[in-house]
C-alpha atoms as a PDB file:
ATOM      1  CA  UNK A   1       0.118   0.160   0.219  1.00  0.00           C
ATOM      2  CA  UNK A   2       1.754   3.417  -0.955  1.00  0.00           C
ATOM      3  CA  UNK A   3       2.299   6.211   1.938  1.00  0.00           C
ATOM      4  CA  UNK A   4      -0.454   7.876  -0.347  1.00  0.00           C
ATOM      5  CA  UNK A   5      -3.724   6.131   0.310  1.00  0.00           C
ATOM      6  CA  UNK A   6      -2.344   5.269   3.536  1.00  0.00           C
ATOM      7  CA  UNK A   7      -3.060   8.581   4.717  1.00  0.00           C
ATOM      8  CA  UNK A   8      -5.673   9.495   2.595  1.00  0.00           C
ATOM      9  CA  UNK A   9      -7.133   6.842   4.605  1.00  0.00           C
ATOM     10  CA  UNK A  10      -6.400   8.345   7.761  1.00  0.00           C
ATOM     11  CA  UNK A  11      -8.197  11.820   5.874  1.00  0.00           C
ATOM     12  CA  UNK A  12     -11.315  10.015   5.240  1.00  0.00           C
ATOM     13  CA  UNK A  13     -11.150   8.669   9.157  1.00  0.00           C
ATOM     14  CA  UNK A  14     -10.975  12.128  10.613  1.00  0.00           C
ATOM     15  CA  UNK A  15     -14.250  13.265   8.304  1.00  0.00           C
ATOM     16  CA  UNK A  16     -11.990  15.068   5.486  1.00  0.00           C
ATOM     17  CA  UNK A  17     -14.876  14.973   1.773  1.00  0.00           C
ATOM     18  CA  UNK A  18     -12.356  15.488   0.376  1.00  0.00           C
ATOM     19  CA  UNK A  19      -9.862  12.541   1.280  1.00  0.00           C
ATOM     20  CA  UNK A  20     -13.344  10.563   0.440  1.00  0.00           C
ATOM     21  CA  UNK A  21     -13.607  11.792  -2.425  1.00  0.00           C
ATOM     22  CA  UNK A  22      -9.917  10.938  -3.907  1.00  0.00           C
ATOM     23  CA  UNK A  23     -10.155   7.519  -2.532  1.00  0.00           C
ATOM     24  CA  UNK A  24     -13.501   6.994  -4.947  1.00  0.00           C
ATOM     25  CA  UNK A  25     -11.922   8.508  -8.383  1.00  0.00           C
ATOM     26  CA  UNK A  26      -8.867   6.820  -7.475  1.00  0.00           C
ATOM     27  CA  UNK A  27     -10.524   3.347  -7.921  1.00  0.00           C
ATOM     28  CA  UNK A  28     -14.471   4.071  -8.858  1.00  0.00           C
ATOM     29  CA  UNK A  29     -13.640   2.844 -11.894  1.00  0.00           C
ATOM     30  CA  UNK A  30     -11.745  -0.205 -11.495  1.00  0.00           C
ATOM     31  CA  UNK A  31     -14.295  -1.218  -9.428  1.00  0.00           C
ATOM     32  CA  UNK A  32     -17.085  -0.502 -11.943  1.00  0.00           C
ATOM     33  CA  UNK A  33     -15.569  -2.437 -14.886  1.00  0.00           C
ATOM     34  CA  UNK A  34     -15.316  -5.323 -11.802  1.00  0.00           C
ATOM     35  CA  UNK A  35     -18.677  -5.206 -11.550  1.00  0.00           C
ATOM     36  CA  UNK A  36     -19.959  -4.486 -14.934  1.00  0.00           C
ATOM     37  CA  UNK A  37     -18.219  -7.869 -16.116  1.00  0.00           C
ATOM     38  CA  UNK A  38     -19.613  -9.744 -13.885  1.00  0.00           C
ATOM     39  CA  UNK A  39     -23.099  -8.309 -13.556  1.00  0.00           C
ATOM     40  CA  UNK A  40     -23.767  -7.481 -17.330  1.00  0.00           C
ATOM     41  CA  UNK A  41     -25.803  -4.520 -16.517  1.00  0.00           C
ATOM     42  CA  UNK A  42     -24.687  -0.804 -16.843  1.00  0.00           C
ATOM     43  CA  UNK A  43     -27.630   0.470 -14.349  1.00  0.00           C
ATOM     44  CA  UNK A  44     -27.446  -2.065 -11.805  1.00  0.00           C
ATOM     45  CA  UNK A  45     -23.546  -2.086 -12.331  1.00  0.00           C
ATOM     46  CA  UNK A  46     -23.346   1.823 -11.093  1.00  0.00           C
ATOM     47  CA  UNK A  47     -25.745   1.185  -8.239  1.00  0.00           C
ATOM     48  CA  UNK A  48     -23.570  -1.833  -7.245  1.00  0.00           C
ATOM     49  CA  UNK A  49     -20.025  -0.052  -7.638  1.00  0.00           C
ATOM     50  CA  UNK A  50     -21.961   2.864  -5.320  1.00  0.00           C
ATOM     51  CA  UNK A  51     -23.207   0.334  -2.588  1.00  0.00           C
ATOM     52  CA  UNK A  52     -19.243  -0.943  -2.433  1.00  0.00           C
ATOM     53  CA  UNK A  53     -17.922   2.641  -1.376  1.00  0.00           C
ATOM     54  CA  UNK A  54     -20.966   3.248   0.613  1.00  0.00           C
ATOM     55  CA  UNK A  55     -19.711  -0.228   2.877  1.00  0.00           C
ATOM     56  CA  UNK A  56     -15.692   0.939   2.153  1.00  0.00           C
ATOM     57  CA  UNK A  57     -16.443   3.698   4.260  1.00  0.00           C
ATOM     58  CA  UNK A  58     -18.287   2.681   6.890  1.00  0.00           C
ATOM     59  CA  UNK A  59     -16.010  -0.231   7.421  1.00  0.00           C
ATOM     60  CA  UNK A  60     -12.974   2.107   7.063  1.00  0.00           C
ATOM     61  CA  UNK A  61     -11.395   1.660  10.710  1.00  0.00           C
ATOM     62  CA  UNK A  62     -11.682  -2.122  10.523  1.00  0.00           C
ATOM     63  CA  UNK A  63      -9.003  -1.968   7.156  1.00  0.00           C
ATOM     64  CA  UNK A  64      -6.175  -3.670   8.175  1.00  0.00           C
ATOM     65  CA  UNK A  65      -3.335  -1.568   6.087  1.00  0.00           C
ATOM     66  CA  UNK A  66      -0.684  -5.096   5.707  1.00  0.00           C
ATOM     67  CA  UNK A  67      -2.505  -5.613   3.314  1.00  0.00           C
ATOM     68  CA  UNK A  68      -3.749  -3.435  -0.347  1.00  0.00           C
ATOM     69  CA  UNK A  69      -6.502  -1.587  -0.319  1.00  0.00           C
ATOM     70  CA  UNK A  70      -7.899  -2.350  -3.837  1.00  0.00           C
ATOM     71  CA  UNK A  71      -7.918  -6.063  -2.737  1.00  0.00           C
ATOM     72  CA  UNK A  72      -9.949  -4.970   0.207  1.00  0.00           C
ATOM     73  CA  UNK A  73     -12.529  -3.043  -1.938  1.00  0.00           C
ATOM     74  CA  UNK A  74     -12.437  -5.950  -4.197  1.00  0.00           C
ATOM     75  CA  UNK A  75     -13.041  -8.104  -1.912  1.00  0.00           C
ATOM     76  CA  UNK A  76     -16.230  -6.099  -0.882  1.00  0.00           C
ATOM     77  CA  UNK A  77     -17.610  -5.296  -4.348  1.00  0.00           C
ATOM     78  CA  UNK A  78     -17.177  -9.547  -4.462  1.00  0.00           C
ATOM     79  CA  UNK A  79     -19.561  -9.742  -2.078  1.00  0.00           C
ATOM     80  CA  UNK A  80     -22.487  -7.203  -2.943  1.00  0.00           C
ATOM     81  CA  UNK A  81     -22.100  -9.071  -6.837  1.00  0.00           C
ATOM     82  CA  UNK A  82     -22.491 -12.404  -4.192  1.00  0.00           C
ATOM     83  CA  UNK A  83     -25.640 -11.246  -2.564  1.00  0.00           C
ATOM     84  CA  UNK A  84     -27.356  -9.646  -5.545  1.00  0.00           C
ATOM     85  CA  UNK A  85     -26.910 -13.279  -7.377  1.00  0.00           C
ATOM     86  CA  UNK A  86     -28.693 -14.616  -4.000  1.00  0.00           C
ATOM     87  CA  UNK A  87     -31.551 -12.067  -4.055  1.00  0.00           C
ATOM     88  CA  UNK A  88     -31.847 -11.825  -8.332  1.00  0.00           C
ATOM     89  CA  UNK A  89     -32.188 -16.093  -7.024  1.00  0.00           C
ATOM     90  CA  UNK A  90     -34.975 -15.998  -4.850  1.00  0.00           C
ATOM     91  CA  UNK A  91     -36.447 -13.806  -6.699  1.00  0.00           C
ATOM     92  CA  UNK A  92     -37.214 -16.003  -9.184  1.00  0.00           C
ATOM     93  CA  UNK A  93     -39.067 -18.791  -8.152  1.00  0.00           C
ATOM     94  CA  UNK A  94     -41.553 -20.368 -10.211  1.00  0.00           C
ATOM     95  CA  UNK A  95     -45.274 -18.977  -9.725  1.00  0.00           C
ATOM     96  CA  UNK A  96     -46.421 -22.411 -10.957  1.00  0.00           C
ATOM     97  CA  UNK A  97     -45.202 -24.721  -9.044  1.00  0.00           C
ATOM     98  CA  UNK A  98     -47.069 -26.077  -6.304  1.00  0.00           C
ATOM     99  CA  UNK A  99     -46.130 -25.516  -1.825  1.00  0.00           C
ATOM    100  CA  UNK A 100     -45.668 -28.623  -0.931  1.00  0.00           C
ATOM    101  CA  UNK A 101     -47.645 -29.395   2.552  1.00  0.00           C
ATOM    102  CA  UNK A 102     -48.096 -31.895   4.912  1.00  0.00           C
ATOM    103  CA  UNK A 103     -51.481 -32.458   3.729  1.00  0.00           C
ATOM    104  CA  UNK A 104     -50.369 -32.408  -0.215  1.00  0.00           C
ATOM    105  CA  UNK A 105     -49.375 -29.879  -2.419  1.00  0.00           C
ATOM    106  CA  UNK A 106     -50.963 -26.397  -2.742  1.00  0.00           C
ATOM    107  CA  UNK A 107     -51.792 -24.385  -5.293  1.00  0.00           C
ATOM    108  CA  UNK A 108     -51.264 -20.674  -5.292  1.00  0.00           C
ATOM    109  CA  UNK A 109     -53.999 -17.763  -5.937  1.00  0.00           C
ATOM    110  CA  UNK A 110     -52.748 -14.804  -7.021  1.00  0.00           C
ATOM    111  CA  UNK A 111     -55.160 -11.348  -6.656  1.00  0.00           C
ATOM    112  CA  UNK A 112     -55.881 -10.116  -9.625  1.00  0.00           C
ATOM    113  CA  UNK A 113     -52.436  -7.764 -11.068  1.00  0.00           C
ATOM    114  CA  UNK A 114     -55.163  -4.830 -12.439  1.00  0.00           C
ATOM    115  CA  UNK A 115     -54.088  -1.037 -11.011  1.00  0.00           C
ATOM    116  CA  UNK A 116     -57.368  -0.406  -8.555  1.00  0.00           C
ATOM    117  CA  UNK A 117     -57.654   2.857  -7.536  1.00  0.00           C
ATOM    118  CA  UNK A 118     -55.927   2.220  -3.912  1.00  0.00           C
ATOM    119  CA  UNK A 119     -52.791   1.378  -5.874  1.00  0.00           C
ATOM    120  CA  UNK A 120     -52.520   4.514  -7.248  1.00  0.00           C
ATOM    121  CA  UNK A 121     -52.816   6.132  -4.348  1.00  0.00           C
ATOM    122  CA  UNK A 122     -50.422   4.270  -2.865  1.00  0.00           C
ATOM    123  CA  UNK A 123     -48.046   5.112  -5.707  1.00  0.00           C
ATOM    124  CA  UNK A 124     -48.626   8.609  -5.530  1.00  0.00           C
ATOM    125  CA  UNK A 125     -47.506   8.820  -2.047  1.00  0.00           C
ATOM    126  CA  UNK A 126     -44.795   7.155  -2.471  1.00  0.00           C
ATOM    127  CA  UNK A 127     -44.280   9.820  -4.812  1.00  0.00           C
ATOM    128  CA  UNK A 128     -44.824  12.705  -2.336  1.00  0.00           C
ATOM    129  CA  UNK A 129     -42.735  11.083  -0.033  1.00  0.00           C
ATOM    130  CA  UNK A 130     -39.501  10.614  -1.828  1.00  0.00           C
ATOM    131  CA  UNK A 131     -40.603  14.476  -3.243  1.00  0.00           C
ATOM    132  CA  UNK A 132     -40.336  15.554   0.372  1.00  0.00           C
ATOM    133  CA  UNK A 133     -37.697  13.753   0.734  1.00  0.00           C
ATOM    134  CA  UNK A 134     -35.441  14.971  -2.080  1.00  0.00           C
ATOM    135  CA  UNK A 135     -36.598  18.784  -1.381  1.00  0.00           C
ATOM    136  CA  UNK A 136     -35.892  18.386   2.656  1.00  0.00           C
ATOM    137  CA  UNK A 137     -32.298  17.970   1.521  1.00  0.00           C
ATOM    138  CA  UNK A 138     -29.341  20.429   1.641  1.00  0.00           C
ATOM    139  CA  UNK A 139     -29.120  22.934  -1.824  1.00  0.00           C
ATOM    140  CA  UNK A 140     -25.784  20.930  -3.111  1.00  0.00           C
ATOM    141  CA  UNK A 141     -27.366  17.500  -2.615  1.00  0.00           C
ATOM    142  CA  UNK A 142     -30.365  18.216  -4.103  1.00  0.00           C
ATOM    143  CA  UNK A 143     -29.283  19.746  -7.431  1.00  0.00           C
ATOM    144  CA  UNK A 144     -26.177  16.848  -7.460  1.00  0.00           C
ATOM    145  CA  UNK A 145     -28.783  14.263  -7.186  1.00  0.00           C
ATOM    146  CA  UNK A 146     -32.007  15.472  -9.301  1.00  0.00           C
ATOM    147  CA  UNK A 147     -29.355  15.966 -12.661  1.00  0.00           C
ATOM    148  CA  UNK A 148     -28.473  12.497 -11.840  1.00  0.00           C
ATOM    149  CA  UNK A 149     -31.897  11.141 -11.662  1.00  0.00           C
ATOM    150  CA  UNK A 150     -34.467  13.300 -13.099  1.00  0.00           C
ATOM    151  CA  UNK A 151     -32.226  14.756 -15.662  1.00  0.00           C
ATOM    152  CA  UNK A 152     -30.087  11.555 -16.364  1.00  0.00           C
ATOM    153  CA  UNK A 153     -27.181  13.149 -16.614  1.00  0.00           C
ATOM    154  CA  UNK A 154     -23.646  11.094 -16.437  1.00  0.00           C
ATOM    155  CA  UNK A 155     -20.430  12.454 -13.475  1.00  0.00           C
ATOM    156  CA  UNK A 156     -18.754  13.992 -16.216  1.00  0.00           C
ATOM    157  CA  UNK A 157     -21.560  16.126 -17.714  1.00  0.00           C
ATOM    158  CA  UNK A 158     -22.684  17.217 -13.580  1.00  0.00           C
ATOM    159  CA  UNK A 159     -19.319  18.135 -13.142  1.00  0.00           C
ATOM    160  CA  UNK A 160     -18.819  20.111 -16.363  1.00  0.00           C
ATOM    161  CA  UNK A 161     -22.132  22.089 -15.849  1.00  0.00           C
ATOM    162  CA  UNK A 162     -21.654  22.328 -12.019  1.00  0.00           C
ATOM    163  CA  UNK A 163     -18.215  23.728 -12.394  1.00  0.00           C
ATOM    164  CA  UNK A 164     -17.070  21.403  -9.777  1.00  0.00           C
ATOM    165  CA  UNK A 165     -14.479  18.178  -9.294  1.00  0.00           C
ATOM    166  CA  UNK A 166     -15.853  14.954 -10.747  1.00  0.00           C
ATOM    167  CA  UNK A 167     -14.799  13.218  -7.502  1.00  0.00           C
ATOM    168  CA  UNK A 168     -17.037  16.160  -5.837  1.00  0.00           C
ATOM    169  CA  UNK A 169     -19.736  15.464  -7.850  1.00  0.00           C
ATOM    170  CA  UNK A 170     -19.294  11.097  -7.005  1.00  0.00           C
ATOM    171  CA  UNK A 171     -19.382  12.893  -3.141  1.00  0.00           C
ATOM    172  CA  UNK A 172     -22.225  14.567  -3.235  1.00  0.00           C
ATOM    173  CA  UNK A 173     -24.393  12.096  -5.153  1.00  0.00           C
ATOM    174  CA  UNK A 174     -22.821   8.813  -2.297  1.00  0.00           C
ATOM    175  CA  UNK A 175     -24.118  11.126   1.045  1.00  0.00           C
ATOM    176  CA  UNK A 176     -28.012  12.416  -1.070  1.00  0.00           C
ATOM    177  CA  UNK A 177     -28.443   8.516  -1.558  1.00  0.00           C
ATOM    178  CA  UNK A 178     -27.483   7.881   1.842  1.00  0.00           C
ATOM    179  CA  UNK A 179     -29.810  11.084   3.452  1.00  0.00           C
ATOM    180  CA  UNK A 180     -32.452  10.190   1.625  1.00  0.00           C
ATOM    181  CA  UNK A 181     -32.683   6.034   2.546  1.00  0.00           C
ATOM    182  CA  UNK A 182     -32.764   7.541   5.741  1.00  0.00           C
ATOM    183  CA  UNK A 183     -35.005   9.737   5.722  1.00  0.00           C
ATOM    184  CA  UNK A 184     -36.821   7.306   3.663  1.00  0.00           C
ATOM    185  CA  UNK A 185     -36.153   4.327   6.629  1.00  0.00           C
ATOM    186  CA  UNK A 186     -38.114   7.069   8.850  1.00  0.00           C
ATOM    187  CA  UNK A 187     -40.863   8.157   6.930  1.00  0.00           C
ATOM    188  CA  UNK A 188     -41.660   4.138   6.440  1.00  0.00           C
ATOM    189  CA  UNK A 189     -41.362   3.865  10.758  1.00  0.00           C
ATOM    190  CA  UNK A 190     -43.580   6.627  10.864  1.00  0.00           C
ATOM    191  CA  UNK A 191     -46.458   5.098   9.332  1.00  0.00           C
END
C-alpha cells in the first residue's frame, strides 16, 4: 500500500470530505468495470459500485493496512455481487410451482394485478414522500441528485455543469443517496 493512500484513509477517517472523494475517484472506475463484468448491466453495476463505496466507508476503520486497499475494495465489490445474485436467484421461483405441505401440494392463488384506485393512491403517496425527502436535502446535494436521476446526466456532465471536480460530484451524490435512504426509513417508521 502506498504511503499516499494510507494518508487518504487516515484523513477520511478524520472526516475529511476531500479524502473520501479522492478515494472514490481513484478506485471507482476499476471497481465499476470489475462489477460490470460480473453483472453485465450498466445501471446495476453503477448501483453496486455505489454500494461498495458506502460499505467500504462504513467499515474503513476496520481496514488492515498490512493488505492492499484495492484488494479490500475488490473483496467488498465481489461480496456485493454475490449478494446481488443471491437476491436475484431468490426472486426467481416459478409461480406455477405448487407449495409442499404435509397435507399435499397447495396451488397458489394470485390476486388480480389490475391497478385499482388504492394502488394508484399508494403510488402517488410514495412519489410524494420521495419528492419531500429530495426537497429536504441541502441545496448542493439536491442539485446533484436531481441532475443525476431526474435529468439522467452523467457524473462528468454534472461536474461540467456545476463547475466542480468529478470527485465532488460523486461524493455529493453518494451523500444525497445516504440522506434519502435515512429519510425514507424514517418515513416508513412513522407510518
